[in-house]
Amino acid sequence: MELVTNTYEEDIFHFDEFHLMLARNFAESNTNRYIDIINAINAGDITLAHRLAHNLKSNAGQLRRSSLQKVAGEIESNLENGENRVTPQQLQSLKKELKAAIDAFNFTLA
């Protein structure tokens, strides 16, 4: 069995129409998701921040953005039970990975 390793940019061109629609929607609706999560944490609305991280994790998984999925999952876990245990490093990683995903989708879908 041969292991195939495609880059994300190669992989997106193999998306079917449904996944291309998801990618477009993701790029449009998640532009401010990092800010939304930060604002929810700063407002003490840990439930909202948890839900936003969970949704982002799920969407990233559907679109094969494993690094974003991983960091969103870590943040989700660190917001469980109404507690905020998110680190500044996790938030920086989230910002970086989310920007990379949105940039990739905007570039490849233009």
Protein backbone atom coordinates (compact mmCIF):
# COMPACT_ATOMS: atom_id res chain seq x y z
CA MET A 1 0.00 0.00 0.00
CA GLU A 2 1.45 3.35 -1.04
CA LEU A 3 1.05 6.39 1.18
CA VAL A 4 -0.13 9.38 -0.82
CA THR A 5 0.70 12.79 0.56
CA ASN A 6 -0.86 15.71 -1.25
CA THR A 7 -0.47 19.30 -0.23
CA TYR A 8 -3.66 21.08 0.68
CA GLU A 9 -3.49 23.19 -2.46
CA GLU A 10 -3.38 20.03 -4.60
CA ASP A 11 -6.15 18.46 -2.56
CA ILE A 12 -8.67 21.31 -2.91
CA PHE A 13 -8.71 20.91 -6.68
CA HIS A 14 -10.11 17.43 -6.12
CA PHE A 15 -13.04 18.73 -4.04
CA ASP A 16 -16.45 17.96 -5.41
CA GLU A 17 -18.96 20.76 -5.90
CA PHE A 18 -20.38 20.27 -2.39
CA HIS A 19 -16.97 20.73 -0.75
CA LEU A 20 -16.23 23.75 -2.92
CA MET A 21 -19.50 25.27 -1.70
CA LEU A 22 -18.47 24.49 1.90
CA ALA A 23 -15.08 26.12 1.32
CA ARG A 24 -16.72 29.26 -0.06
CA ASN A 25 -19.12 29.41 2.87
CA PHE A 26 -16.29 28.77 5.32
CA ALA A 27 -14.21 31.64 3.93
CA GLU A 28 -17.18 34.01 4.05
CA SER A 29 -18.58 33.10 7.46
CA ASN A 30 -15.36 32.56 9.43
CA THR A 31 -13.45 35.72 8.57
CA ASN A 32 -14.08 37.12 12.05
CA ARG A 33 -14.32 33.83 13.96
CA TYR A 34 -11.07 34.41 15.85
CA ILE A 35 -12.34 37.81 17.04
CA ASP A 36 -15.71 36.27 17.91
CA ILE A 37 -14.02 33.68 20.13
CA ILE A 38 -11.78 36.30 21.79
CA ASN A 39 -14.78 38.58 22.40
CA ALA A 40 -16.80 35.74 23.91
CA ILE A 41 -13.91 34.78 26.23
CA ASN A 42 -13.34 38.41 27.26
CA ALA A 43 -17.08 38.82 27.95
CA GLY A 44 -17.02 35.70 30.12
CA ASP A 45 -19.36 33.85 27.77
CA ILE A 46 -17.40 30.60 27.85
CA THR A 47 -20.38 28.63 26.52
CA LEU A 48 -20.46 30.74 23.36
CA ALA A 49 -16.68 30.56 22.94
CA HIS A 50 -16.85 26.77 23.37
CA ARG A 51 -19.60 26.45 20.74
CA LEU A 52 -17.72 28.67 18.28
CA ALA A 53 -14.53 26.61 18.71
CA HIS A 54 -16.50 23.38 18.34
CA ASN A 55 -18.15 24.54 15.11
CA LEU A 56 -14.82 25.75 13.74
CA LYS A 57 -13.22 22.39 14.57
CA SER A 58 -16.00 20.53 12.76
CA ASN A 59 -15.89 22.77 9.69
CA ALA A 60 -12.11 22.53 9.48
CA GLY A 61 -12.36 18.74 9.57
CA GLN A 62 -14.89 18.69 6.73
CA LEU A 63 -12.50 20.77 4.65
CA ARG A 64 -9.35 18.79 5.46
CA ARG A 65 -7.65 21.56 7.42
CA SER A 66 -6.17 19.29 10.08
CA SER A 67 -3.94 21.90 11.75
CA LEU A 68 -6.89 24.24 12.22
CA GLN A 69 -9.07 21.35 13.35
CA LYS A 70 -6.47 20.37 15.95
CA VAL A 71 -6.00 23.82 17.48
CA ALA A 72 -9.76 24.52 17.47
CA GLY A 73 -10.24 21.17 19.24
CA GLU A 74 -7.64 22.08 21.86
CA ILE A 75 -9.38 25.38 22.50
CA GLU A 76 -12.74 23.65 22.65
CA SER A 77 -11.37 21.22 25.26
CA ASN A 78 -9.91 24.07 27.28
CA LEU A 79 -13.31 25.76 27.39
CA GLU A 80 -15.23 22.77 28.74
CA ASN A 81 -17.37 22.94 31.87
CA GLY A 82 -17.57 26.73 31.71
CA GLU A 83 -13.87 27.13 32.51
CA ASN A 84 -11.38 29.10 30.45
CA ARG A 85 -8.03 27.27 30.33
CA VAL A 86 -7.08 28.52 26.87
CA THR A 87 -3.47 29.65 26.56
CA PRO A 88 -2.23 32.68 24.63
CA GLN A 89 -0.18 30.29 22.48
CA GLN A 90 -3.33 28.38 21.49
CA LEU A 91 -5.06 31.60 20.53
CA GLN A 92 -2.06 32.64 18.42
CA SER A 93 -2.07 29.25 16.70
CA LEU A 94 -5.79 29.57 16.06
CA LYS A 95 -5.33 33.01 14.53
CA LYS A 96 -2.50 31.76 12.29
CA GLU A 97 -4.26 28.57 11.14
CA LEU A 98 -7.59 30.28 10.55
CA LYS A 99 -5.94 33.00 8.46
CA ALA A 100 -4.07 30.37 6.44
CA ALA A 101 -7.29 28.46 5.76
CA ILE A 102 -9.26 31.52 4.73
CA ASP A 103 -6.40 32.78 2.55
CA ALA A 104 -6.13 29.37 0.85
CA PHE A 105 -9.86 29.19 0.23
CA ASN A 106 -10.05 32.75 -1.08
CA PHE A 107 -7.04 32.17 -3.35
CA THR A 108 -8.12 28.84 -4.77
CA LEU A 109 -11.79 29.78 -5.15
CA ALA A 110 -11.28 33.16 -6.80
